[in-house]
Amino acid sequence: MRLTESQSPRHYTLSNLVPDALIMKGQSEISADTPCWVTMGKGSFAVSSDAMSVQKRMKELEIELLSCQTYKRLIDSPMVMGLFQMCLNLAGFEKIWGQEASVENKERAQLENRLLATFEAEPLEDGMDHPAERIIRNVLGTGENQYVLDIFRAFSLDVANSSLAAAVLRCLGRQPYLGTVAWRTTLVRDALSINDIEIRDAAVQAAELWGDEEMRIVLEQHSEPEPWFREYISDVLADLGD
């Protein structure tokens, strides 16, 4: 602190001994507790009270600072306010996400029920159009995004409901250029790895209908445990090679 004309040597010395950050009150408020300084000679001063009194007062000021000023400044700081706003935004996002997830699950369940009812009402036969294909095309027509593709992939690999899975996979195979080549290839490979002959049969039919070069590679790499089904895959590979 710079000594100005308005500051006495006594004030200057006291200010240097007690840091500015800890002086929370005016001189009139702390005069009763402040040690009295007396002149001991030109340019020198001494403390009339002992060091314990000074330490006690400094401790009181420190407690006051921590309990009042520091806390208030911390609460009002941009960092804390920003964190508080982030918490509010996160809470709002979680609420909205939960609502949207609920709607998506409801739509998925409705689609699954429609497909089940359609397959139960009319069996799926080779070479014959099926009403489920129209349902699938309508859903894909709303926007062939990743969410829709993920739903049909989940239906096609649902071991707990293998009949529906196989039927959906066969219908998907009748949709030309569905998704990307990578998406179709991965779906067929994953379906072939399932321990359910009905789903594996649907996967081979889808691979044959899509006819991608990558499908031939997937079928060649597949190790089929059923002898009669291995022969069927060999026939499909021959057709894909033509």
C-alpha atoms as a PDB file:
ATOM      1  CA  MET A   1       0.000   0.000   0.000  1.00  0.00           C
ATOM      2  CA  ARG A   2       1.360   3.410  -1.006  1.00  0.00           C
ATOM      3  CA  LEU A   3       1.681   6.075   1.702  1.00  0.00           C
ATOM      4  CA  THR A   4      -0.309   9.174   0.767  1.00  0.00           C
ATOM      5  CA  GLU A   5      -0.463  12.599   2.313  1.00  0.00           C
ATOM      6  CA  SER A   6      -3.746  11.725   4.066  1.00  0.00           C
ATOM      7  CA  GLN A   7      -2.237   8.689   5.785  1.00  0.00           C
ATOM      8  CA  SER A   8      -0.313   8.961   9.024  1.00  0.00           C
ATOM      9  CA  PRO A   9       2.727   6.764   9.809  1.00  0.00           C
ATOM     10  CA  ARG A  10       0.555   4.972  12.353  1.00  0.00           C
ATOM     11  CA  HIS A  11      -2.087   4.159   9.724  1.00  0.00           C
ATOM     12  CA  TYR A  12       0.570   3.100   7.248  1.00  0.00           C
ATOM     13  CA  THR A  13       2.208   0.691   9.703  1.00  0.00           C
ATOM     14  CA  LEU A  14      -1.113  -0.828  10.844  1.00  0.00           C
ATOM     15  CA  SER A  15      -2.245  -1.306   7.261  1.00  0.00           C
ATOM     16  CA  ASN A  16       0.896  -3.193   6.405  1.00  0.00           C
ATOM     17  CA  LEU A  17       0.595  -5.472   9.439  1.00  0.00           C
ATOM     18  CA  VAL A  18      -3.091  -6.294   8.785  1.00  0.00           C
ATOM     19  CA  PRO A  19      -3.721  -7.221   5.111  1.00  0.00           C
ATOM     20  CA  ASP A  20      -6.384  -5.254   3.258  1.00  0.00           C
ATOM     21  CA  ALA A  21      -8.361  -8.430   2.446  1.00  0.00           C
ATOM     22  CA  LEU A  22      -8.930  -9.113   6.115  1.00  0.00           C
ATOM     23  CA  ILE A  23     -10.019  -5.623   7.186  1.00  0.00           C
ATOM     24  CA  MET A  24     -13.794  -6.006   6.867  1.00  0.00           C
ATOM     25  CA  LYS A  25     -14.873  -3.096   9.085  1.00  0.00           C
ATOM     26  CA  GLY A  26     -14.166   0.594   9.264  1.00  0.00           C
ATOM     27  CA  GLN A  27     -11.705   1.986  11.762  1.00  0.00           C
ATOM     28  CA  SER A  28     -14.537   3.171  14.010  1.00  0.00           C
ATOM     29  CA  GLU A  29     -15.917  -0.389  14.279  1.00  0.00           C
ATOM     30  CA  ILE A  30     -12.666  -2.106  15.207  1.00  0.00           C
ATOM     31  CA  SER A  31     -11.107   0.566  17.381  1.00  0.00           C
ATOM     32  CA  ALA A  32     -12.242  -1.192  20.567  1.00  0.00           C
ATOM     33  CA  ASP A  33     -10.469  -4.384  19.608  1.00  0.00           C
ATOM     34  CA  THR A  34      -7.479  -2.917  17.812  1.00  0.00           C
ATOM     35  CA  PRO A  35      -4.220  -2.862  19.764  1.00  0.00           C
ATOM     36  CA  CYS A  36      -3.016   0.611  20.754  1.00  0.00           C
ATOM     37  CA  TRP A  37       0.224   1.669  19.115  1.00  0.00           C
ATOM     38  CA  VAL A  38       2.553   4.024  20.972  1.00  0.00           C
ATOM     39  CA  THR A  39       5.611   5.902  19.775  1.00  0.00           C
ATOM     40  CA  MET A  40       8.888   4.600  21.161  1.00  0.00           C
ATOM     41  CA  GLY A  41      11.060   7.077  19.394  1.00  0.00           C
ATOM     42  CA  LYS A  42      11.281   8.824  16.092  1.00  0.00           C
ATOM     43  CA  GLY A  43      10.256   6.440  13.278  1.00  0.00           C
ATOM     44  CA  SER A  44       9.579   3.408  15.560  1.00  0.00           C
ATOM     45  CA  PHE A  45       6.444   1.897  17.125  1.00  0.00           C
ATOM     46  CA  ALA A  46       5.561  -0.878  19.607  1.00  0.00           C
ATOM     47  CA  VAL A  47       2.460  -2.822  20.480  1.00  0.00           C
ATOM     48  CA  SER A  48       0.985  -2.151  23.914  1.00  0.00           C
ATOM     49  CA  SER A  49      -1.062  -5.379  23.928  1.00  0.00           C
ATOM     50  CA  ASP A  50       0.481  -8.793  23.644  1.00  0.00           C
ATOM     51  CA  ALA A  51       0.697 -10.942  20.526  1.00  0.00           C
ATOM     52  CA  MET A  52      -2.200 -13.131  21.638  1.00  0.00           C
ATOM     53  CA  SER A  53      -4.613 -10.224  21.315  1.00  0.00           C
ATOM     54  CA  VAL A  54      -3.493  -9.579  17.768  1.00  0.00           C
ATOM     55  CA  GLN A  55      -3.796 -13.249  16.823  1.00  0.00           C
ATOM     56  CA  LYS A  56      -7.272 -13.467  18.326  1.00  0.00           C
ATOM     57  CA  ARG A  57      -8.496 -10.442  16.361  1.00  0.00           C
ATOM     58  CA  MET A  58      -6.947 -11.736  13.151  1.00  0.00           C
ATOM     59  CA  LYS A  59      -8.718 -15.068  13.697  1.00  0.00           C
ATOM     60  CA  GLU A  60     -12.047 -13.315  14.188  1.00  0.00           C
ATOM     61  CA  LEU A  61     -11.573 -11.347  10.996  1.00  0.00           C
ATOM     62  CA  GLU A  62     -10.625 -14.509   9.138  1.00  0.00           C
ATOM     63  CA  ILE A  63     -13.757 -16.304  10.329  1.00  0.00           C
ATOM     64  CA  GLU A  64     -15.908 -13.352   9.343  1.00  0.00           C
ATOM     65  CA  LEU A  65     -14.322 -13.243   5.946  1.00  0.00           C
ATOM     66  CA  LEU A  66     -14.824 -16.925   5.295  1.00  0.00           C
ATOM     67  CA  SER A  67     -18.391 -17.019   6.588  1.00  0.00           C
ATOM     68  CA  CYS A  68     -19.622 -13.909   4.798  1.00  0.00           C
ATOM     69  CA  GLN A  69     -17.617 -12.364   2.017  1.00  0.00           C
ATOM     70  CA  THR A  70     -15.916 -15.402   0.562  1.00  0.00           C
ATOM     71  CA  TYR A  71     -19.129 -17.429   0.516  1.00  0.00           C
ATOM     72  CA  LYS A  72     -21.086 -14.615  -1.114  1.00  0.00           C
ATOM     73  CA  ARG A  73     -18.420 -14.040  -3.755  1.00  0.00           C
ATOM     74  CA  LEU A  74     -18.290 -17.777  -4.464  1.00  0.00           C
ATOM     75  CA  ILE A  75     -22.065 -18.053  -4.914  1.00  0.00           C
ATOM     76  CA  ASP A  76     -22.128 -15.001  -7.175  1.00  0.00           C
ATOM     77  CA  SER A  77     -19.093 -16.064  -9.201  1.00  0.00           C
ATOM     78  CA  PRO A  78     -19.577 -16.749 -12.944  1.00  0.00           C
ATOM     79  CA  MET A  79     -18.183 -20.262 -12.528  1.00  0.00           C
ATOM     80  CA  VAL A  80     -20.767 -21.295  -9.935  1.00  0.00           C
ATOM     81  CA  MET A  81     -23.593 -19.605 -11.818  1.00  0.00           C
ATOM     82  CA  GLY A  82     -22.492 -21.395 -14.980  1.00  0.00           C
ATOM     83  CA  LEU A  83     -22.416 -24.757 -13.235  1.00  0.00           C
ATOM     84  CA  PHE A  84     -25.857 -24.092 -11.798  1.00  0.00           C
ATOM     85  CA  GLN A  85     -27.211 -23.306 -15.270  1.00  0.00           C
ATOM     86  CA  MET A  86     -25.614 -26.477 -16.626  1.00  0.00           C
ATOM     87  CA  CYS A  87     -27.413 -28.496 -13.941  1.00  0.00           C
ATOM     88  CA  LEU A  88     -30.710 -26.913 -14.943  1.00  0.00           C
ATOM     89  CA  ASN A  89     -30.072 -27.636 -18.624  1.00  0.00           C
ATOM     90  CA  LEU A  90     -29.094 -31.243 -17.852  1.00  0.00           C
ATOM     91  CA  ALA A  91     -32.224 -31.776 -15.781  1.00  0.00           C
ATOM     92  CA  GLY A  92     -34.347 -30.387 -18.609  1.00  0.00           C
ATOM     93  CA  PHE A  93     -32.573 -32.530 -21.184  1.00  0.00           C
ATOM     94  CA  GLU A  94     -33.070 -35.690 -19.117  1.00  0.00           C
ATOM     95  CA  LYS A  95     -36.771 -34.914 -18.772  1.00  0.00           C
ATOM     96  CA  ILE A  96     -37.212 -34.347 -22.514  1.00  0.00           C
ATOM     97  CA  TRP A  97     -35.078 -37.381 -23.386  1.00  0.00           C
ATOM     98  CA  GLY A  98     -37.179 -39.541 -21.099  1.00  0.00           C
ATOM     99  CA  GLN A  99     -40.374 -38.340 -22.750  1.00  0.00           C
ATOM    100  CA  GLU A 100     -38.996 -38.927 -26.258  1.00  0.00           C
ATOM    101  CA  ALA A 101     -37.682 -42.371 -25.315  1.00  0.00           C
ATOM    102  CA  SER A 102     -41.121 -43.253 -23.985  1.00  0.00           C
ATOM    103  CA  VAL A 103     -42.745 -42.177 -27.262  1.00  0.00           C
ATOM    104  CA  GLU A 104     -40.193 -44.148 -29.317  1.00  0.00           C
ATOM    105  CA  ASN A 105     -40.711 -47.296 -27.267  1.00  0.00           C
ATOM    106  CA  LYS A 106     -44.470 -46.948 -27.677  1.00  0.00           C
ATOM    107  CA  GLU A 107     -44.165 -46.545 -31.461  1.00  0.00           C
ATOM    108  CA  ARG A 108     -41.837 -49.543 -31.655  1.00  0.00           C
ATOM    109  CA  ALA A 109     -44.282 -51.698 -29.661  1.00  0.00           C
ATOM    110  CA  GLN A 110     -47.155 -50.615 -31.899  1.00  0.00           C
ATOM    111  CA  LEU A 111     -45.166 -51.513 -35.031  1.00  0.00           C
ATOM    112  CA  GLU A 112     -44.233 -54.893 -33.581  1.00  0.00           C
ATOM    113  CA  ASN A 113     -47.870 -55.645 -32.738  1.00  0.00           C
ATOM    114  CA  ARG A 114     -49.001 -54.678 -36.245  1.00  0.00           C
ATOM    115  CA  LEU A 115     -46.440 -56.982 -37.830  1.00  0.00           C
ATOM    116  CA  LEU A 116     -47.340 -59.843 -35.508  1.00  0.00           C
ATOM    117  CA  ALA A 117     -51.034 -59.487 -36.286  1.00  0.00           C
ATOM    118  CA  THR A 118     -50.305 -59.378 -40.022  1.00  0.00           C
ATOM    119  CA  PHE A 119     -48.161 -62.525 -39.987  1.00  0.00           C
ATOM    120  CA  GLU A 120     -50.724 -64.359 -37.856  1.00  0.00           C
ATOM    121  CA  ALA A 121     -53.537 -63.388 -40.218  1.00  0.00           C
ATOM    122  CA  GLU A 122     -51.677 -64.411 -43.365  1.00  0.00           C
ATOM    123  CA  PRO A 123     -48.657 -66.738 -43.661  1.00  0.00           C
ATOM    124  CA  LEU A 124     -45.551 -65.528 -45.477  1.00  0.00           C
ATOM    125  CA  GLU A 125     -44.944 -67.520 -48.665  1.00  0.00           C
ATOM    126  CA  ASP A 126     -42.107 -67.415 -51.176  1.00  0.00           C
ATOM    127  CA  GLY A 127     -42.877 -65.458 -54.320  1.00  0.00           C
ATOM    128  CA  MET A 128     -46.046 -63.971 -52.857  1.00  0.00           C
ATOM    129  CA  ASP A 129     -46.484 -60.387 -51.713  1.00  0.00           C
ATOM    130  CA  HIS A 130     -47.397 -60.010 -48.073  1.00  0.00           C
ATOM    131  CA  PRO A 131     -49.197 -57.131 -46.286  1.00  0.00           C
ATOM    132  CA  ALA A 132     -46.256 -56.864 -43.873  1.00  0.00           C
ATOM    133  CA  GLU A 133     -44.084 -55.707 -46.768  1.00  0.00           C
ATOM    134  CA  ARG A 134     -46.390 -52.737 -47.271  1.00  0.00           C
ATOM    135  CA  ILE A 135     -46.162 -51.873 -43.573  1.00  0.00           C
ATOM    136  CA  ILE A 136     -42.368 -52.005 -43.732  1.00  0.00           C
ATOM    137  CA  ARG A 137     -42.266 -49.878 -46.888  1.00  0.00           C
ATOM    138  CA  ASN A 138     -44.532 -47.282 -45.305  1.00  0.00           C
ATOM    139  CA  VAL A 139     -42.301 -47.054 -42.239  1.00  0.00           C
ATOM    140  CA  LEU A 140     -39.197 -46.784 -44.395  1.00  0.00           C
ATOM    141  CA  GLY A 141     -40.963 -44.177 -46.519  1.00  0.00           C
ATOM    142  CA  THR A 142     -41.237 -41.841 -43.532  1.00  0.00           C
ATOM    143  CA  GLY A 143     -37.462 -41.543 -43.566  1.00  0.00           C
ATOM    144  CA  GLU A 144     -34.932 -44.351 -43.821  1.00  0.00           C
ATOM    145  CA  ASN A 145     -32.873 -43.094 -40.917  1.00  0.00           C
ATOM    146  CA  GLN A 146     -30.671 -45.059 -38.582  1.00  0.00           C
ATOM    147  CA  TYR A 147     -33.366 -45.251 -35.919  1.00  0.00           C
ATOM    148  CA  VAL A 148     -35.780 -47.038 -38.283  1.00  0.00           C
ATOM    149  CA  LEU A 149     -33.076 -49.392 -39.509  1.00  0.00           C
ATOM    150  CA  ASP A 150     -32.094 -50.196 -35.938  1.00  0.00           C
ATOM    151  CA  ILE A 151     -35.686 -51.158 -35.130  1.00  0.00           C
ATOM    152  CA  PHE A 152     -35.918 -53.596 -38.051  1.00  0.00           C
ATOM    153  CA  ARG A 153     -32.489 -54.976 -37.204  1.00  0.00           C
ATOM    154  CA  ALA A 154     -33.637 -55.611 -33.619  1.00  0.00           C
ATOM    155  CA  PHE A 155     -36.780 -57.347 -34.865  1.00  0.00           C
ATOM    156  CA  SER A 156     -34.722 -59.534 -37.222  1.00  0.00           C
ATOM    157  CA  LEU A 157     -32.312 -60.704 -34.511  1.00  0.00           C
ATOM    158  CA  ASP A 158     -34.838 -61.247 -31.724  1.00  0.00           C
ATOM    159  CA  VAL A 159     -34.149 -64.823 -30.636  1.00  0.00           C
ATOM    160  CA  ALA A 160     -36.919 -64.643 -28.044  1.00  0.00           C
ATOM    161  CA  ASN A 161     -39.403 -64.285 -30.912  1.00  0.00           C
ATOM    162  CA  SER A 162     -37.666 -66.206 -33.661  1.00  0.00           C
ATOM    163  CA  SER A 163     -40.756 -66.630 -35.875  1.00  0.00           C
ATOM    164  CA  LEU A 164     -41.297 -62.867 -36.056  1.00  0.00           C
ATOM    165  CA  ALA A 165     -37.561 -62.314 -36.520  1.00  0.00           C
ATOM    166  CA  ALA A 166     -37.368 -64.679 -39.494  1.00  0.00           C
ATOM    167  CA  ALA A 167     -40.518 -63.251 -41.090  1.00  0.00           C
ATOM    168  CA  VAL A 168     -39.306 -59.644 -40.759  1.00  0.00           C
ATOM    169  CA  LEU A 169     -35.882 -60.566 -42.129  1.00  0.00           C
ATOM    170  CA  ARG A 170     -37.440 -62.237 -45.171  1.00  0.00           C
ATOM    171  CA  CYS A 171     -39.579 -59.147 -45.803  1.00  0.00           C
ATOM    172  CA  LEU A 172     -36.544 -56.898 -45.453  1.00  0.00           C
ATOM    173  CA  GLY A 173     -34.762 -59.004 -48.049  1.00  0.00           C
ATOM    174  CA  ARG A 174     -37.546 -58.097 -50.458  1.00  0.00           C
ATOM    175  CA  GLN A 175     -36.730 -54.398 -50.086  1.00  0.00           C
ATOM    176  CA  PRO A 176     -34.077 -53.587 -52.705  1.00  0.00           C
ATOM    177  CA  TYR A 177     -31.104 -51.430 -51.671  1.00  0.00           C
ATOM    178  CA  LEU A 178     -32.247 -51.265 -48.069  1.00  0.00           C
ATOM    179  CA  GLY A 179     -29.830 -49.253 -45.954  1.00  0.00           C
ATOM    180  CA  THR A 180     -26.202 -49.478 -47.027  1.00  0.00           C
ATOM    181  CA  VAL A 181     -24.202 -52.464 -48.209  1.00  0.00           C
ATOM    182  CA  ALA A 182     -22.381 -52.492 -44.877  1.00  0.00           C
ATOM    183  CA  TRP A 183     -25.684 -52.464 -42.961  1.00  0.00           C
ATOM    184  CA  ARG A 184     -27.123 -55.335 -45.034  1.00  0.00           C
ATOM    185  CA  THR A 185     -23.911 -57.367 -44.780  1.00  0.00           C
ATOM    186  CA  THR A 186     -23.672 -56.945 -41.023  1.00  0.00           C
ATOM    187  CA  LEU A 187     -27.324 -57.915 -40.581  1.00  0.00           C
ATOM    188  CA  VAL A 188     -26.897 -61.133 -42.572  1.00  0.00           C
ATOM    189  CA  ARG A 189     -23.648 -62.039 -40.773  1.00  0.00           C
ATOM    190  CA  ASP A 190     -25.188 -61.478 -37.339  1.00  0.00           C
ATOM    191  CA  ALA A 191     -28.325 -63.436 -38.255  1.00  0.00           C
ATOM    192  CA  LEU A 192     -26.204 -66.368 -39.471  1.00  0.00           C
ATOM    193  CA  SER A 193     -24.451 -66.479 -36.086  1.00  0.00           C
ATOM    194  CA  ILE A 194     -27.737 -67.069 -34.232  1.00  0.00           C
ATOM    195  CA  ASN A 195     -28.452 -70.584 -33.024  1.00  0.00           C
ATOM    196  CA  ASP A 196     -31.849 -70.730 -34.712  1.00  0.00           C
ATOM    197  CA  ILE A 197     -32.231 -72.413 -38.078  1.00  0.00           C
ATOM    198  CA  GLU A 198     -35.319 -70.379 -39.004  1.00  0.00           C
ATOM    199  CA  ILE A 199     -33.472 -67.072 -38.586  1.00  0.00           C
ATOM    200  CA  ARG A 200     -30.392 -68.396 -40.425  1.00  0.00           C
ATOM    201  CA  ASP A 201     -32.595 -69.567 -43.293  1.00  0.00           C
ATOM    202  CA  ALA A 202     -34.176 -66.103 -43.520  1.00  0.00           C
ATOM    203  CA  ALA A 203     -30.685 -64.563 -43.550  1.00  0.00           C
ATOM    204  CA  VAL A 204     -29.627 -66.698 -46.515  1.00  0.00           C
ATOM    205  CA  GLN A 205     -32.818 -65.798 -48.380  1.00  0.00           C
ATOM    206  CA  ALA A 206     -32.205 -62.088 -47.724  1.00  0.00           C
ATOM    207  CA  ALA A 207     -28.588 -62.416 -48.878  1.00  0.00           C
ATOM    208  CA  GLU A 208     -29.720 -64.092 -52.104  1.00  0.00           C
ATOM    209  CA  LEU A 209     -32.368 -61.436 -52.802  1.00  0.00           C
ATOM    210  CA  TRP A 210     -30.025 -58.522 -52.100  1.00  0.00           C
ATOM    211  CA  GLY A 211     -27.335 -60.193 -54.222  1.00  0.00           C
ATOM    212  CA  ASP A 212     -24.442 -57.984 -53.141  1.00  0.00           C
ATOM    213  CA  GLU A 213     -20.935 -59.220 -53.835  1.00  0.00           C
ATOM    214  CA  GLU A 214     -20.287 -58.866 -50.106  1.00  0.00           C
ATOM    215  CA  MET A 215     -23.104 -61.361 -49.422  1.00  0.00           C
ATOM    216  CA  ARG A 216     -21.234 -64.059 -51.274  1.00  0.00           C
ATOM    217  CA  ILE A 217     -18.201 -63.468 -49.044  1.00  0.00           C
ATOM    218  CA  VAL A 218     -20.340 -63.629 -45.884  1.00  0.00           C
ATOM    219  CA  LEU A 219     -21.946 -66.920 -46.962  1.00  0.00           C
ATOM    220  CA  GLU A 220     -18.564 -68.433 -47.877  1.00  0.00           C
ATOM    221  CA  GLN A 221     -17.185 -67.540 -44.451  1.00  0.00           C
ATOM    222  CA  HIS A 222     -20.166 -68.967 -42.595  1.00  0.00           C
ATOM    223  CA  SER A 223     -19.619 -72.322 -40.894  1.00  0.00           C
ATOM    224  CA  GLU A 224     -23.017 -74.030 -40.998  1.00  0.00           C
ATOM    225  CA  PRO A 225     -23.498 -76.979 -38.606  1.00  0.00           C
ATOM    226  CA  GLU A 226     -26.505 -78.475 -40.429  1.00  0.00           C
ATOM    227  CA  PRO A 227     -25.429 -80.603 -43.460  1.00  0.00           C
ATOM    228  CA  TRP A 228     -28.633 -80.131 -45.452  1.00  0.00           C
ATOM    229  CA  PHE A 229     -28.487 -76.370 -44.883  1.00  0.00           C
ATOM    230  CA  ARG A 230     -24.856 -76.258 -46.032  1.00  0.00           C
ATOM    231  CA  GLU A 231     -26.003 -77.691 -49.357  1.00  0.00           C
ATOM    232  CA  TYR A 232     -28.659 -74.996 -49.641  1.00  0.00           C
ATOM    233  CA  ILE A 233     -26.033 -72.302 -49.000  1.00  0.00           C
ATOM    234  CA  SER A 234     -23.827 -73.861 -51.676  1.00  0.00           C
ATOM    235  CA  ASP A 235     -26.683 -73.582 -54.174  1.00  0.00           C
ATOM    236  CA  VAL A 236     -27.206 -69.916 -53.241  1.00  0.00           C
ATOM    237  CA  LEU A 237     -23.485 -69.237 -53.664  1.00  0.00           C
ATOM    238  CA  ALA A 238     -23.642 -70.792 -57.098  1.00  0.00           C
ATOM    239  CA  ASP A 239     -26.523 -68.507 -58.037  1.00  0.00           C
ATOM    240  CA  LEU A 240     -24.710 -65.454 -56.712  1.00  0.00           C
ATOM    241  CA  GLY A 241     -21.617 -66.412 -58.676  1.00  0.00           C
ATOM    242  CA  ASP A 242     -23.442 -66.458 -61.990  1.00  0.00           C
END
